[in-house]
């Protein structure tokens, strides 16, 4: 499912803006182009003590990343 960027921008709060900036920063770190379907994921989740360092990031397909969220 595609993100509704217009709606997200209209409802923008400081936290939401910071979250979006962090996603964009992670994509740039991993060398993903704008519009590329792949997503950036944490090898060790932040909730389990992972970090935002490049060594803890990996590129996965959108399908794989969305499957993890549904669990």
PDB file of N, CA and C in Angstrom:
ATOM      1  N   UNK A   1       0.841  -1.176   0.000  1.00  0.00           N
ATOM      2  CA  UNK A   1       0.000   0.000   0.000  1.00  0.00           C
ATOM      3  C   UNK A   1       0.891   1.247   0.000  1.00  0.00           C
ATOM      4  N   UNK A   2       0.600   2.161  -0.875  1.00  0.00           N
ATOM      5  CA  UNK A   2       1.408   3.368  -1.007  1.00  0.00           C
ATOM      6  C   UNK A   2       1.091   4.352   0.112  1.00  0.00           C
ATOM      7  N   UNK A   3       2.079   5.129   0.499  1.00  0.00           N
ATOM      8  CA  UNK A   3       1.881   6.135   1.547  1.00  0.00           C
ATOM      9  C   UNK A   3       1.162   7.336   0.959  1.00  0.00           C
ATOM     10  N   UNK A   4       0.287   7.941   1.736  1.00  0.00           N
ATOM     11  CA  UNK A   4      -0.431   9.139   1.329  1.00  0.00           C
ATOM     12  C   UNK A   4       0.367  10.356   1.800  1.00  0.00           C
ATOM     13  N   UNK A   5       1.321  10.793   0.988  1.00  0.00           N
ATOM     14  CA  UNK A   5       2.233  11.844   1.392  1.00  0.00           C
ATOM     15  C   UNK A   5       1.527  13.185   1.573  1.00  0.00           C
ATOM     16  N   UNK A   6       0.512  13.472   0.753  1.00  0.00           N
ATOM     17  CA  UNK A   6      -0.214  14.733   0.901  1.00  0.00           C
ATOM     18  C   UNK A   6      -0.927  14.789   2.248  1.00  0.00           C
ATOM     19  N   UNK A   7      -1.555  13.688   2.630  1.00  0.00           N
ATOM     20  CA  UNK A   7      -2.249  13.633   3.915  1.00  0.00           C
ATOM     21  C   UNK A   7      -1.244  13.737   5.065  1.00  0.00           C
ATOM     22  N   UNK A   8      -0.120  13.053   4.922  1.00  0.00           N
ATOM     23  CA  UNK A   8       0.907  13.085   5.960  1.00  0.00           C
ATOM     24  C   UNK A   8       1.445  14.501   6.142  1.00  0.00           C
ATOM     25  N   UNK A   9       1.653  15.207   5.056  1.00  0.00           N
ATOM     26  CA  UNK A   9       2.169  16.571   5.143  1.00  0.00           C
ATOM     27  C   UNK A   9       1.140  17.489   5.793  1.00  0.00           C
ATOM     28  N   UNK A  10      -0.147  17.268   5.513  1.00  0.00           N
ATOM     29  CA  UNK A  10      -1.196  18.100   6.089  1.00  0.00           C
ATOM     30  C   UNK A  10      -1.316  17.890   7.595  1.00  0.00           C
ATOM     31  N   UNK A  11      -1.044  16.692   8.070  1.00  0.00           N
ATOM     32  CA  UNK A  11      -1.159  16.360   9.482  1.00  0.00           C
ATOM     33  C   UNK A  11       0.184  16.429  10.208  1.00  0.00           C
ATOM     34  N   UNK A  12       1.135  17.072   9.586  1.00  0.00           N
ATOM     35  CA  UNK A  12       2.510  17.085  10.087  1.00  0.00           C
ATOM     36  C   UNK A  12       2.618  17.671  11.497  1.00  0.00           C
ATOM     37  N   UNK A  13       3.263  16.934  12.365  1.00  0.00           N
ATOM     38  CA  UNK A  13       3.600  17.432  13.694  1.00  0.00           C
ATOM     39  C   UNK A  13       5.124  17.359  13.801  1.00  0.00           C
ATOM     40  N   UNK A  14       5.667  17.884  14.869  1.00  0.00           N
ATOM     41  CA  UNK A  14       7.124  17.846  15.022  1.00  0.00           C
ATOM     42  C   UNK A  14       7.634  16.412  15.062  1.00  0.00           C
ATOM     43  N   UNK A  15       6.936  15.534  15.796  1.00  0.00           N
ATOM     44  CA  UNK A  15       7.377  14.148  15.905  1.00  0.00           C
ATOM     45  C   UNK A  15       7.271  13.448  14.552  1.00  0.00           C
ATOM     46  N   UNK A  16       6.173  13.664  13.841  1.00  0.00           N
ATOM     47  CA  UNK A  16       5.972  13.026  12.545  1.00  0.00           C
ATOM     48  C   UNK A  16       7.029  13.501  11.560  1.00  0.00           C
ATOM     49  N   UNK A  17       7.336  14.790  11.624  1.00  0.00           N
ATOM     50  CA  UNK A  17       8.351  15.343  10.729  1.00  0.00           C
ATOM     51  C   UNK A  17       9.719  14.734  11.033  1.00  0.00           C
ATOM     52  N   UNK A  18      10.037  14.579  12.332  1.00  0.00           N
ATOM     53  CA  UNK A  18      11.312  13.984  12.728  1.00  0.00           C
ATOM     54  C   UNK A  18      11.384  12.521  12.293  1.00  0.00           C
ATOM     55  N   UNK A  19      10.274  11.780  12.410  1.00  0.00           N
ATOM     56  CA  UNK A  19      10.235  10.377  11.987  1.00  0.00           C
ATOM     57  C   UNK A  19      10.479  10.259  10.479  1.00  0.00           C
ATOM     58  N   UNK A  20       9.835  11.131   9.719  1.00  0.00           N
ATOM     59  CA  UNK A  20       9.993  11.106   8.264  1.00  0.00           C
ATOM     60  C   UNK A  20      11.425  11.452   7.882  1.00  0.00           C
ATOM     61  N   UNK A  21      11.998  12.432   8.561  1.00  0.00           N
ATOM     62  CA  UNK A  21      13.383  12.824   8.289  1.00  0.00           C
ATOM     63  C   UNK A  21      14.335  11.670   8.597  1.00  0.00           C
ATOM     64  N   UNK A  22      14.063  10.930   9.670  1.00  0.00           N
ATOM     65  CA  UNK A  22      14.912   9.786  10.033  1.00  0.00           C
ATOM     66  C   UNK A  22      14.819   8.684   8.975  1.00  0.00           C
ATOM     67  N   UNK A  23      13.620   8.438   8.451  1.00  0.00           N
ATOM     68  CA  UNK A  23      13.468   7.434   7.381  1.00  0.00           C
ATOM     69  C   UNK A  23      14.243   7.859   6.136  1.00  0.00           C
ATOM     70  N   UNK A  24      14.125   9.135   5.785  1.00  0.00           N
ATOM     71  CA  UNK A  24      14.836   9.638   4.608  1.00  0.00           C
ATOM     72  C   UNK A  24      16.349   9.573   4.807  1.00  0.00           C
ATOM     73  N   UNK A  25      16.811   9.892   6.016  1.00  0.00           N
ATOM     74  CA  UNK A  25      18.245   9.838   6.327  1.00  0.00           C
ATOM     75  C   UNK A  25      18.769   8.404   6.216  1.00  0.00           C
ATOM     76  N   UNK A  26      17.982   7.433   6.714  1.00  0.00           N
ATOM     77  CA  UNK A  26      18.380   6.027   6.634  1.00  0.00           C
ATOM     78  C   UNK A  26      18.445   5.573   5.180  1.00  0.00           C
ATOM     79  N   UNK A  27      17.497   6.007   4.361  1.00  0.00           N
ATOM     80  CA  UNK A  27      17.509   5.637   2.937  1.00  0.00           C
ATOM     81  C   UNK A  27      18.759   6.181   2.250  1.00  0.00           C
ATOM     82  N   UNK A  28      19.121   7.426   2.576  1.00  0.00           N
ATOM     83  CA  UNK A  28      20.324   8.011   1.978  1.00  0.00           C
ATOM     84  C   UNK A  28      21.571   7.266   2.425  1.00  0.00           C
ATOM     85  N   UNK A  29      21.642   6.904   3.710  1.00  0.00           N
ATOM     86  CA  UNK A  29      22.799   6.156   4.230  1.00  0.00           C
ATOM     87  C   UNK A  29      22.995   4.856   3.466  1.00  0.00           C
ATOM     88  N   UNK A  30      21.889   4.196   3.123  1.00  0.00           N
ATOM     89  CA  UNK A  30      21.960   2.899   2.460  1.00  0.00           C
ATOM     90  C   UNK A  30      22.049   3.025   0.939  1.00  0.00           C
ATOM     91  N   UNK A  31      21.999   4.236   0.416  1.00  0.00           N
ATOM     92  CA  UNK A  31      22.165   4.451  -1.017  1.00  0.00           C
ATOM     93  C   UNK A  31      20.936   4.150  -1.853  1.00  0.00           C
ATOM     94  N   UNK A  32      19.745   4.226  -1.261  1.00  0.00           N
ATOM     95  CA  UNK A  32      18.521   3.973  -2.016  1.00  0.00           C
ATOM     96  C   UNK A  32      18.075   5.242  -2.737  1.00  0.00           C
ATOM     97  N   UNK A  33      17.663   5.085  -3.969  1.00  0.00           N
ATOM     98  CA  UNK A  33      17.210   6.222  -4.756  1.00  0.00           C
ATOM     99  C   UNK A  33      15.778   6.598  -4.380  1.00  0.00           C
ATOM    100  N   UNK A  34      15.400   7.834  -4.661  1.00  0.00           N
ATOM    101  CA  UNK A  34      14.041   8.294  -4.416  1.00  0.00           C
ATOM    102  C   UNK A  34      13.100   7.497  -5.321  1.00  0.00           C
ATOM    103  N   UNK A  35      12.038   6.996  -4.766  1.00  0.00           N
ATOM    104  CA  UNK A  35      11.060   6.235  -5.542  1.00  0.00           C
ATOM    105  C   UNK A  35      11.367   4.753  -5.644  1.00  0.00           C
ATOM    106  N   UNK A  36      12.497   4.320  -5.130  1.00  0.00           N
ATOM    107  CA  UNK A  36      12.853   2.908  -5.168  1.00  0.00           C
ATOM    108  C   UNK A  36      11.966   2.149  -4.184  1.00  0.00           C
ATOM    109  N   UNK A  37      11.490   0.967  -4.578  1.00  0.00           N
ATOM    110  CA  UNK A  37      10.520   0.225  -3.772  1.00  0.00           C
ATOM    111  C   UNK A  37      11.122  -0.419  -2.525  1.00  0.00           C
ATOM    112  N   UNK A  38      12.416  -0.623  -2.503  1.00  0.00           N
ATOM    113  CA  UNK A  38      13.055  -1.251  -1.345  1.00  0.00           C
ATOM    114  C   UNK A  38      12.945  -0.334  -0.132  1.00  0.00           C
ATOM    115  N   UNK A  39      12.989  -0.937   1.054  1.00  0.00           N
ATOM    116  CA  UNK A  39      12.906  -0.170   2.295  1.00  0.00           C
ATOM    117  C   UNK A  39      14.090  -0.507   3.188  1.00  0.00           C
ATOM    118  N   UNK A  40      14.346   0.366   4.147  1.00  0.00           N
ATOM    119  CA  UNK A  40      15.437   0.163   5.097  1.00  0.00           C
ATOM    120  C   UNK A  40      14.852  -0.411   6.378  1.00  0.00           C
ATOM    121  N   UNK A  41      15.533  -1.405   6.934  1.00  0.00           N
ATOM    122  CA  UNK A  41      15.062  -2.118   8.110  1.00  0.00           C
ATOM    123  C   UNK A  41      16.206  -2.210   9.108  1.00  0.00           C
ATOM    124  N   UNK A  42      15.890  -2.401  10.374  1.00  0.00           N
ATOM    125  CA  UNK A  42      16.916  -2.631  11.395  1.00  0.00           C
ATOM    126  C   UNK A  42      17.157  -4.128  11.534  1.00  0.00           C
ATOM    127  N   UNK A  43      18.418  -4.524  11.522  1.00  0.00           N
ATOM    128  CA  UNK A  43      18.753  -5.936  11.741  1.00  0.00           C
ATOM    129  C   UNK A  43      18.322  -6.342  13.141  1.00  0.00           C
ATOM    130  N   UNK A  44      18.704  -5.550  14.127  1.00  0.00           N
ATOM    131  CA  UNK A  44      18.266  -5.765  15.515  1.00  0.00           C
ATOM    132  C   UNK A  44      17.302  -4.629  15.835  1.00  0.00           C
ATOM    133  N   UNK A  45      16.033  -4.916  16.077  1.00  0.00           N
ATOM    134  CA  UNK A  45      15.037  -3.863  16.288  1.00  0.00           C
ATOM    135  C   UNK A  45      15.418  -2.902  17.412  1.00  0.00           C
ATOM    136  N   UNK A  46      15.010  -1.658  17.259  1.00  0.00           N
ATOM    137  CA  UNK A  46      15.290  -0.658  18.278  1.00  0.00           C
ATOM    138  C   UNK A  46      14.680  -1.062  19.614  1.00  0.00           C
ATOM    139  N   UNK A  47      13.521  -1.711  19.568  1.00  0.00           N
ATOM    140  CA  UNK A  47      12.847  -2.134  20.796  1.00  0.00           C
ATOM    141  C   UNK A  47      13.620  -3.220  21.529  1.00  0.00           C
ATOM    142  N   UNK A  48      14.523  -3.903  20.828  1.00  0.00           N
ATOM    143  CA  UNK A  48      15.331  -4.964  21.437  1.00  0.00           C
ATOM    144  C   UNK A  48      16.757  -4.506  21.713  1.00  0.00           C
ATOM    145  N   UNK A  49      16.989  -3.190  21.663  1.00  0.00           N
ATOM    146  CA  UNK A  49      18.313  -2.669  21.977  1.00  0.00           C
ATOM    147  C   UNK A  49      19.179  -2.369  20.775  1.00  0.00           C
ATOM    148  N   UNK A  50      18.608  -2.358  19.582  1.00  0.00           N
ATOM    149  CA  UNK A  50      19.368  -2.027  18.382  1.00  0.00           C
ATOM    150  C   UNK A  50      19.653  -0.534  18.307  1.00  0.00           C
ATOM    151  N   UNK A  51      20.516  -0.154  17.383  1.00  0.00           N
ATOM    152  CA  UNK A  51      20.883   1.258  17.232  1.00  0.00           C
ATOM    153  C   UNK A  51      20.481   1.743  15.842  1.00  0.00           C
ATOM    154  N   UNK A  52      20.638   3.043  15.627  1.00  0.00           N
ATOM    155  CA  UNK A  52      20.367   3.623  14.316  1.00  0.00           C
ATOM    156  C   UNK A  52      21.636   3.720  13.474  1.00  0.00           C
ATOM    157  N   UNK A  53      22.704   3.061  13.899  1.00  0.00           N
ATOM    158  CA  UNK A  53      23.963   3.088  13.155  1.00  0.00           C
ATOM    159  C   UNK A  53      23.807   2.361  11.826  1.00  0.00           C
ATOM    160  N   UNK A  54      24.629   2.711  10.868  1.00  0.00           N
ATOM    161  CA  UNK A  54      24.564   2.084   9.552  1.00  0.00           C
ATOM    162  C   UNK A  54      24.798   0.576   9.636  1.00  0.00           C
ATOM    163  N   UNK A  55      25.595   0.140  10.611  1.00  0.00           N
ATOM    164  CA  UNK A  55      25.883  -1.290  10.752  1.00  0.00           C
ATOM    165  C   UNK A  55      24.656  -2.089  11.184  1.00  0.00           C
ATOM    166  N   UNK A  56      23.620  -1.418  11.680  1.00  0.00           N
ATOM    167  CA  UNK A  56      22.399  -2.106  12.095  1.00  0.00           C
ATOM    168  C   UNK A  56      21.287  -1.949  11.065  1.00  0.00           C
ATOM    169  N   UNK A  57      21.572  -1.352   9.923  1.00  0.00           N
ATOM    170  CA  UNK A  57      20.562  -1.161   8.881  1.00  0.00           C
ATOM    171  C   UNK A  57      20.764  -2.173   7.765  1.00  0.00           C
ATOM    172  N   UNK A  58      19.661  -2.537   7.109  1.00  0.00           N
ATOM    173  CA  UNK A  58      19.731  -3.399   5.934  1.00  0.00           C
ATOM    174  C   UNK A  58      18.609  -3.022   4.985  1.00  0.00           C
ATOM    175  N   UNK A  59      18.776  -3.349   3.726  1.00  0.00           N
ATOM    176  CA  UNK A  59      17.773  -3.080   2.703  1.00  0.00           C
ATOM    177  C   UNK A  59      16.947  -4.347   2.513  1.00  0.00           C
ATOM    178  N   UNK A  60      15.631  -4.200   2.609  1.00  0.00           N
ATOM    179  CA  UNK A  60      14.723  -5.325   2.386  1.00  0.00           C
ATOM    180  C   UNK A  60      13.627  -4.862   1.435  1.00  0.00           C
ATOM    181  N   UNK A  61      12.921  -5.828   0.844  1.00  0.00           N
ATOM    182  CA  UNK A  61      11.812  -5.468  -0.026  1.00  0.00           C
ATOM    183  C   UNK A  61      10.672  -4.932   0.831  1.00  0.00           C
ATOM    184  N   UNK A  62       9.793  -4.150   0.228  1.00  0.00           N
ATOM    185  CA  UNK A  62       8.648  -3.605   0.952  1.00  0.00           C
ATOM    186  C   UNK A  62       7.762  -4.734   1.446  1.00  0.00           C
ATOM    187  N   UNK A  63       7.622  -5.788   0.671  1.00  0.00           N
ATOM    188  CA  UNK A  63       6.796  -6.939   1.043  1.00  0.00           C
ATOM    189  C   UNK A  63       7.318  -7.577   2.324  1.00  0.00           C
ATOM    190  N   UNK A  64       8.619  -7.806   2.404  1.00  0.00           N
ATOM    191  CA  UNK A  64       9.237  -8.405   3.581  1.00  0.00           C
ATOM    192  C   UNK A  64       9.081  -7.516   4.794  1.00  0.00           C
ATOM    193  N   UNK A  65       9.305  -6.210   4.624  1.00  0.00           N
ATOM    194  CA  UNK A  65       9.228  -5.281   5.744  1.00  0.00           C
ATOM    195  C   UNK A  65       7.794  -5.183   6.274  1.00  0.00           C
ATOM    196  N   UNK A  66       6.817  -5.198   5.403  1.00  0.00           N
ATOM    197  CA  UNK A  66       5.433  -5.090   5.840  1.00  0.00           C
ATOM    198  C   UNK A  66       4.955  -6.367   6.512  1.00  0.00           C
ATOM    199  N   UNK A  67       5.506  -7.504   6.136  1.00  0.00           N
ATOM    200  CA  UNK A  67       5.154  -8.771   6.795  1.00  0.00           C
ATOM    201  C   UNK A  67       5.559  -8.732   8.255  1.00  0.00           C
ATOM    202  N   UNK A  68       6.717  -8.157   8.544  1.00  0.00           N
ATOM    203  CA  UNK A  68       7.229  -8.097   9.921  1.00  0.00           C
ATOM    204  C   UNK A  68       6.321  -7.237  10.794  1.00  0.00           C
ATOM    205  N   UNK A  69       5.804  -6.156  10.253  1.00  0.00           N
ATOM    206  CA  UNK A  69       4.970  -5.249  11.012  1.00  0.00           C
ATOM    207  C   UNK A  69       3.650  -5.905  11.406  1.00  0.00           C
ATOM    208  N   UNK A  70       3.155  -6.809  10.593  1.00  0.00           N
ATOM    209  CA  UNK A  70       1.856  -7.439  10.845  1.00  0.00           C
ATOM    210  C   UNK A  70       1.905  -8.475  11.960  1.00  0.00           C
ATOM    211  N   UNK A  71       3.105  -8.900  12.374  1.00  0.00           N
ATOM    212  CA  UNK A  71       3.200  -9.942  13.405  1.00  0.00           C
ATOM    213  C   UNK A  71       2.860  -9.434  14.773  1.00  0.00           C
TER     214      UNK A  71
END
